[in-house]
Amino acid sequence: MEYKHEILRKLIHYGSTIFPLCYLYFFTRVEMLFLLGGFVLIMIVLEILRMYLPFFTHIYEVIFSKIVRVEESETFTGATYSFLGAFIAILIFEKEVAIFAMLILSLSDSTAALVGRKWGSISLLGKSVQGTVTFLTVSITIALLVPGIPRIEAITAAIFTTVVELVPSPVNDNLLIPISAGITLSLMRLFT
């Protein structure tokens, strides 16, 4: 995928920051679950239509072909996993933890991908060191800014989530990142 298309793809990911912000300032947990649950259901239906009905496949390719990765042609796209990851985070974690986890997915992962693609020159486990350092830096910044979370716990969760993101996994990172961030932060809060 060309870098300019990667930028467009990541702008969509940055746009998903609206969900943790809405959860922080406007909506209750139940309202967010209904909102994101609706998005997840719509996305799954659209994904199934796209994968199995040629008419929808054609429409999808015309509209989104520049920003969808080749490996997503026969599986769910990153957007669907992002909605699902946010839904799961809100479902299973305390409010502050879910907000932290969703912001890491929206901001850290997207920024790391752009930096890694543009300036990544040193590879580590299939990722660029520059992208990984960016992921960690943005995650620590989020840890320092999200209200209601002790900083040492949030920073520890940011570091652990960076390691999880770095290690290759068969699980889509749009699911893995918010869940690992949330679990780590929840465990830190439980034992400190």
C-alpha atoms as a PDB file:
ATOM      1  CA  MET A   1       0.000   0.000   0.000  1.00  0.00           C
ATOM      2  CA  GLU A   2       1.323   3.423  -0.909  1.00  0.00           C
ATOM      3  CA  TYR A   3       2.238   5.671   2.000  1.00  0.00           C
ATOM      4  CA  LYS A   4      -0.399   8.278   1.091  1.00  0.00           C
ATOM      5  CA  HIS A   5      -3.048   5.545   1.298  1.00  0.00           C
ATOM      6  CA  GLU A   6      -1.609   4.378   4.615  1.00  0.00           C
ATOM      7  CA  ILE A   7      -2.033   7.942   5.879  1.00  0.00           C
ATOM      8  CA  LEU A   8      -5.695   7.900   4.841  1.00  0.00           C
ATOM      9  CA  ARG A   9      -6.171   4.528   6.528  1.00  0.00           C
ATOM     10  CA  LYS A  10      -4.617   5.825   9.745  1.00  0.00           C
ATOM     11  CA  LEU A  11      -6.716   9.005   9.645  1.00  0.00           C
ATOM     12  CA  ILE A  12      -9.731   6.712   9.909  1.00  0.00           C
ATOM     13  CA  HIS A  13      -8.086   5.039  12.925  1.00  0.00           C
ATOM     14  CA  TYR A  14      -7.412   8.458  14.453  1.00  0.00           C
ATOM     15  CA  GLY A  15     -11.099   9.200  13.927  1.00  0.00           C
ATOM     16  CA  SER A  16     -11.963   6.293  16.203  1.00  0.00           C
ATOM     17  CA  THR A  17     -10.671   8.469  19.056  1.00  0.00           C
ATOM     18  CA  ILE A  18     -14.233   9.798  19.104  1.00  0.00           C
ATOM     19  CA  PHE A  19     -15.346   6.651  20.962  1.00  0.00           C
ATOM     20  CA  PRO A  20     -13.152   6.955  24.071  1.00  0.00           C
ATOM     21  CA  LEU A  21     -13.812  10.696  24.160  1.00  0.00           C
ATOM     22  CA  CYS A  22     -17.578  10.154  23.959  1.00  0.00           C
ATOM     23  CA  TYR A  23     -17.282   7.564  26.707  1.00  0.00           C
ATOM     24  CA  LEU A  24     -15.238   9.933  28.853  1.00  0.00           C
ATOM     25  CA  TYR A  25     -17.484  12.974  28.473  1.00  0.00           C
ATOM     26  CA  PHE A  26     -20.949  12.089  27.201  1.00  0.00           C
ATOM     27  CA  PHE A  27     -22.159   8.494  27.273  1.00  0.00           C
ATOM     28  CA  THR A  28     -22.694   5.843  29.895  1.00  0.00           C
ATOM     29  CA  ARG A  29     -21.265   2.369  29.605  1.00  0.00           C
ATOM     30  CA  VAL A  30     -24.606   0.942  28.447  1.00  0.00           C
ATOM     31  CA  GLU A  31     -24.994   3.670  25.820  1.00  0.00           C
ATOM     32  CA  MET A  32     -21.478   3.034  24.519  1.00  0.00           C
ATOM     33  CA  LEU A  33     -22.099  -0.712  24.377  1.00  0.00           C
ATOM     34  CA  PHE A  34     -25.256  -0.158  22.336  1.00  0.00           C
ATOM     35  CA  LEU A  35     -23.483   2.315  20.053  1.00  0.00           C
ATOM     36  CA  LEU A  36     -20.405   0.179  19.456  1.00  0.00           C
ATOM     37  CA  GLY A  37     -22.426  -3.036  19.425  1.00  0.00           C
ATOM     38  CA  GLY A  38     -24.485  -1.545  16.607  1.00  0.00           C
ATOM     39  CA  PHE A  39     -21.335  -0.612  14.706  1.00  0.00           C
ATOM     40  CA  VAL A  40     -19.897  -4.101  15.212  1.00  0.00           C
ATOM     41  CA  LEU A  41     -23.067  -5.763  13.909  1.00  0.00           C
ATOM     42  CA  ILE A  42     -23.240  -3.454  10.894  1.00  0.00           C
ATOM     43  CA  MET A  43     -19.561  -4.031  10.124  1.00  0.00           C
ATOM     44  CA  ILE A  44     -19.885  -7.813  10.381  1.00  0.00           C
ATOM     45  CA  VAL A  45     -22.897  -7.819   8.045  1.00  0.00           C
ATOM     46  CA  LEU A  46     -21.050  -5.599   5.558  1.00  0.00           C
ATOM     47  CA  GLU A  47     -17.933  -7.778   5.791  1.00  0.00           C
ATOM     48  CA  ILE A  48     -19.950 -10.942   5.092  1.00  0.00           C
ATOM     49  CA  LEU A  49     -21.716  -9.283   2.155  1.00  0.00           C
ATOM     50  CA  ARG A  50     -18.342  -8.079   0.842  1.00  0.00           C
ATOM     51  CA  MET A  51     -16.739 -11.507   1.103  1.00  0.00           C
ATOM     52  CA  TYR A  52     -19.565 -13.603  -0.327  1.00  0.00           C
ATOM     53  CA  LEU A  53     -21.607 -11.489  -2.747  1.00  0.00           C
ATOM     54  CA  PRO A  54     -19.755 -10.284  -5.860  1.00  0.00           C
ATOM     55  CA  PHE A  55     -21.965  -7.206  -6.233  1.00  0.00           C
ATOM     56  CA  PHE A  56     -20.983  -5.972  -2.764  1.00  0.00           C
ATOM     57  CA  THR A  57     -17.378  -7.020  -3.332  1.00  0.00           C
ATOM     58  CA  HIS A  58     -17.234  -4.786  -6.396  1.00  0.00           C
ATOM     59  CA  ILE A  59     -18.783  -1.790  -4.610  1.00  0.00           C
ATOM     60  CA  TYR A  60     -16.433  -2.274  -1.674  1.00  0.00           C
ATOM     61  CA  GLU A  61     -13.375  -2.468  -3.917  1.00  0.00           C
ATOM     62  CA  VAL A  62     -14.352   0.673  -5.816  1.00  0.00           C
ATOM     63  CA  ILE A  63     -14.746   2.645  -2.591  1.00  0.00           C
ATOM     64  CA  PHE A  64     -12.071   1.177  -0.304  1.00  0.00           C
ATOM     65  CA  SER A  65      -9.479  -0.606  -2.462  1.00  0.00           C
ATOM     66  CA  LYS A  66      -6.797   2.020  -1.822  1.00  0.00           C
ATOM     67  CA  ILE A  67      -6.912   1.691   1.963  1.00  0.00           C
ATOM     68  CA  VAL A  68      -7.575  -2.014   2.482  1.00  0.00           C
ATOM     69  CA  ARG A  69      -4.629  -4.343   2.810  1.00  0.00           C
ATOM     70  CA  VAL A  70      -4.367  -7.331   0.480  1.00  0.00           C
ATOM     71  CA  GLU A  71      -4.520  -9.793   3.379  1.00  0.00           C
ATOM     72  CA  GLU A  72      -7.875  -8.313   4.415  1.00  0.00           C
ATOM     73  CA  SER A  73      -9.581  -9.368   1.193  1.00  0.00           C
ATOM     74  CA  GLU A  74     -10.740 -12.709   2.604  1.00  0.00           C
ATOM     75  CA  THR A  75     -11.124 -11.819   6.265  1.00  0.00           C
ATOM     76  CA  PHE A  76     -12.447  -8.973   8.369  1.00  0.00           C
ATOM     77  CA  THR A  77     -10.769  -5.606   7.936  1.00  0.00           C
ATOM     78  CA  GLY A  78      -8.894  -3.733  10.614  1.00  0.00           C
ATOM     79  CA  ALA A  79     -11.869  -1.383  11.059  1.00  0.00           C
ATOM     80  CA  THR A  80     -14.147  -4.232  12.115  1.00  0.00           C
ATOM     81  CA  TYR A  81     -11.555  -5.496  14.583  1.00  0.00           C
ATOM     82  CA  SER A  82     -11.142  -1.931  15.915  1.00  0.00           C
ATOM     83  CA  PHE A  83     -14.853  -1.630  16.651  1.00  0.00           C
ATOM     84  CA  LEU A  84     -14.852  -5.095  18.199  1.00  0.00           C
ATOM     85  CA  GLY A  85     -11.767  -4.310  20.300  1.00  0.00           C
ATOM     86  CA  ALA A  86     -13.357  -1.103  21.599  1.00  0.00           C
ATOM     87  CA  PHE A  87     -16.621  -2.930  22.343  1.00  0.00           C
ATOM     88  CA  ILE A  88     -14.814  -5.650  24.301  1.00  0.00           C
ATOM     89  CA  ALA A  89     -12.779  -3.042  26.211  1.00  0.00           C
ATOM     90  CA  ILE A  90     -15.932  -1.236  27.333  1.00  0.00           C
ATOM     91  CA  LEU A  91     -17.679  -4.517  28.110  1.00  0.00           C
ATOM     92  CA  ILE A  92     -15.025  -6.011  30.386  1.00  0.00           C
ATOM     93  CA  PHE A  93     -12.990  -3.135  31.831  1.00  0.00           C
ATOM     94  CA  GLU A  94     -13.653  -0.245  34.197  1.00  0.00           C
ATOM     95  CA  LYS A  95     -14.346   3.048  32.444  1.00  0.00           C
ATOM     96  CA  GLU A  96     -10.882   4.607  32.847  1.00  0.00           C
ATOM     97  CA  VAL A  97      -9.189   1.377  31.792  1.00  0.00           C
ATOM     98  CA  ALA A  98     -11.363   1.045  28.683  1.00  0.00           C
ATOM     99  CA  ILE A  99     -10.679   4.664  27.707  1.00  0.00           C
ATOM    100  CA  PHE A 100      -6.940   4.111  28.148  1.00  0.00           C
ATOM    101  CA  ALA A 101      -7.056   0.909  26.070  1.00  0.00           C
ATOM    102  CA  MET A 102      -9.069   2.499  23.250  1.00  0.00           C
ATOM    103  CA  LEU A 103      -6.805   5.555  23.089  1.00  0.00           C
ATOM    104  CA  ILE A 104      -3.737   3.341  22.802  1.00  0.00           C
ATOM    105  CA  LEU A 105      -5.339   1.547  19.871  1.00  0.00           C
ATOM    106  CA  SER A 106      -6.470   4.755  18.162  1.00  0.00           C
ATOM    107  CA  LEU A 107      -3.367   6.860  18.697  1.00  0.00           C
ATOM    108  CA  SER A 108      -0.318   4.733  19.555  1.00  0.00           C
ATOM    109  CA  ASP A 109      -0.844   2.037  16.945  1.00  0.00           C
ATOM    110  CA  SER A 110      -1.702   4.481  14.160  1.00  0.00           C
ATOM    111  CA  THR A 111       1.177   6.848  14.858  1.00  0.00           C
ATOM    112  CA  ALA A 112       3.638   3.966  15.188  1.00  0.00           C
ATOM    113  CA  ALA A 113       2.533   2.556  11.838  1.00  0.00           C
ATOM    114  CA  LEU A 114       3.013   5.886  10.066  1.00  0.00           C
ATOM    115  CA  VAL A 115       6.415   6.540  11.643  1.00  0.00           C
ATOM    116  CA  GLY A 116       7.540   2.971  11.032  1.00  0.00           C
ATOM    117  CA  ARG A 117       6.509   3.070   7.371  1.00  0.00           C
ATOM    118  CA  LYS A 118       8.106   6.469   6.727  1.00  0.00           C
ATOM    119  CA  TRP A 119      11.288   6.345   8.803  1.00  0.00           C
ATOM    120  CA  GLY A 120      11.642   2.755   9.930  1.00  0.00           C
ATOM    121  CA  SER A 121      15.113   1.549   9.054  1.00  0.00           C
ATOM    122  CA  ILE A 122      15.931  -0.876  11.856  1.00  0.00           C
ATOM    123  CA  SER A 123      13.845  -4.040  11.997  1.00  0.00           C
ATOM    124  CA  LEU A 124      12.989  -6.002  15.126  1.00  0.00           C
ATOM    125  CA  LEU A 125      10.606  -8.986  15.010  1.00  0.00           C
ATOM    126  CA  GLY A 126       9.150  -7.748  11.737  1.00  0.00           C
ATOM    127  CA  LYS A 127       8.446  -4.241  13.050  1.00  0.00           C
ATOM    128  CA  SER A 128      10.579  -1.139  12.912  1.00  0.00           C
ATOM    129  CA  VAL A 129      12.370   0.017  16.036  1.00  0.00           C
ATOM    130  CA  GLN A 130      11.340   3.572  15.166  1.00  0.00           C
ATOM    131  CA  GLY A 131       7.676   2.555  15.065  1.00  0.00           C
ATOM    132  CA  THR A 132       7.979   0.643  18.330  1.00  0.00           C
ATOM    133  CA  VAL A 133       9.612   3.597  20.098  1.00  0.00           C
ATOM    134  CA  THR A 134       6.820   5.799  18.753  1.00  0.00           C
ATOM    135  CA  PHE A 135       4.190   3.354  20.032  1.00  0.00           C
ATOM    136  CA  LEU A 136       5.792   3.446  23.479  1.00  0.00           C
ATOM    137  CA  THR A 137       6.148   7.244  23.496  1.00  0.00           C
ATOM    138  CA  VAL A 138       2.529   7.869  22.505  1.00  0.00           C
ATOM    139  CA  SER A 139       1.321   5.202  24.956  1.00  0.00           C
ATOM    140  CA  ILE A 140       3.231   6.769  27.845  1.00  0.00           C
ATOM    141  CA  THR A 141       1.840  10.181  26.880  1.00  0.00           C
ATOM    142  CA  ILE A 142      -1.671   8.710  27.012  1.00  0.00           C
ATOM    143  CA  ALA A 143      -0.812   7.120  30.369  1.00  0.00           C
ATOM    144  CA  LEU A 144       0.122  10.537  31.726  1.00  0.00           C
ATOM    145  CA  LEU A 145      -3.017  12.237  30.406  1.00  0.00           C
ATOM    146  CA  VAL A 146      -5.911   9.840  31.042  1.00  0.00           C
ATOM    147  CA  PRO A 147      -7.635  10.924  34.252  1.00  0.00           C
ATOM    148  CA  GLY A 148      -8.323   8.540  37.099  1.00  0.00           C
ATOM    149  CA  ILE A 149      -5.410   6.164  36.574  1.00  0.00           C
ATOM    150  CA  PRO A 150      -2.272   6.159  38.750  1.00  0.00           C
ATOM    151  CA  ARG A 151       0.641   7.054  36.490  1.00  0.00           C
ATOM    152  CA  ILE A 152       2.970   4.197  37.412  1.00  0.00           C
ATOM    153  CA  GLU A 153       0.241   1.661  36.654  1.00  0.00           C
ATOM    154  CA  ALA A 154      -0.602   3.290  33.340  1.00  0.00           C
ATOM    155  CA  ILE A 155       3.051   3.594  32.316  1.00  0.00           C
ATOM    156  CA  THR A 156       3.649  -0.070  33.176  1.00  0.00           C
ATOM    157  CA  ALA A 157       0.619  -1.022  31.081  1.00  0.00           C
ATOM    158  CA  ALA A 158       1.925   1.156  28.238  1.00  0.00           C
ATOM    159  CA  ILE A 159       5.295  -0.616  28.324  1.00  0.00           C
ATOM    160  CA  PHE A 160       3.734  -4.081  28.451  1.00  0.00           C
ATOM    161  CA  THR A 161       1.325  -3.257  25.616  1.00  0.00           C
ATOM    162  CA  THR A 162       4.262  -2.058  23.515  1.00  0.00           C
ATOM    163  CA  VAL A 163       5.955  -5.431  24.012  1.00  0.00           C
ATOM    164  CA  VAL A 164       2.725  -7.265  23.129  1.00  0.00           C
ATOM    165  CA  GLU A 165       2.353  -5.158  19.978  1.00  0.00           C
ATOM    166  CA  LEU A 166       5.939  -5.901  18.984  1.00  0.00           C
ATOM    167  CA  VAL A 167       5.740  -9.690  19.306  1.00  0.00           C
ATOM    168  CA  PRO A 168       4.206 -11.404  16.254  1.00  0.00           C
ATOM    169  CA  SER A 169       0.775 -12.886  16.943  1.00  0.00           C
ATOM    170  CA  PRO A 170      -1.952 -14.543  14.866  1.00  0.00           C
ATOM    171  CA  VAL A 171      -4.491 -12.321  16.670  1.00  0.00           C
ATOM    172  CA  ASN A 172      -5.336  -9.056  14.907  1.00  0.00           C
ATOM    173  CA  ASP A 173      -3.597  -6.207  16.722  1.00  0.00           C
ATOM    174  CA  ASN A 174      -6.805  -4.142  16.749  1.00  0.00           C
ATOM    175  CA  LEU A 175      -8.139  -6.764  19.171  1.00  0.00           C
ATOM    176  CA  LEU A 176      -4.868  -7.585  20.887  1.00  0.00           C
ATOM    177  CA  ILE A 177      -3.807  -4.036  21.746  1.00  0.00           C
ATOM    178  CA  PRO A 178      -6.877  -2.814  23.667  1.00  0.00           C
ATOM    179  CA  ILE A 179      -7.366  -6.148  25.409  1.00  0.00           C
ATOM    180  CA  SER A 180      -3.722  -6.467  26.491  1.00  0.00           C
ATOM    181  CA  ALA A 181      -3.632  -2.818  27.607  1.00  0.00           C
ATOM    182  CA  GLY A 182      -6.831  -3.291  29.575  1.00  0.00           C
ATOM    183  CA  ILE A 183      -5.821  -6.575  31.187  1.00  0.00           C
ATOM    184  CA  THR A 184      -2.408  -5.236  32.171  1.00  0.00           C
ATOM    185  CA  LEU A 185      -3.806  -2.046  33.642  1.00  0.00           C
ATOM    186  CA  SER A 186      -6.579  -3.941  35.444  1.00  0.00           C
ATOM    187  CA  LEU A 187      -4.053  -6.341  36.987  1.00  0.00           C
ATOM    188  CA  MET A 188      -1.831  -3.436  38.011  1.00  0.00           C
ATOM    189  CA  ARG A 189      -4.790  -1.751  39.700  1.00  0.00           C
ATOM    190  CA  LEU A 190      -5.732  -4.991  41.422  1.00  0.00           C
ATOM    191  CA  PHE A 191      -2.299  -5.680  42.899  1.00  0.00           C
ATOM    192  CA  THR A 192      -1.048  -2.189  43.755  1.00  0.00           C
END
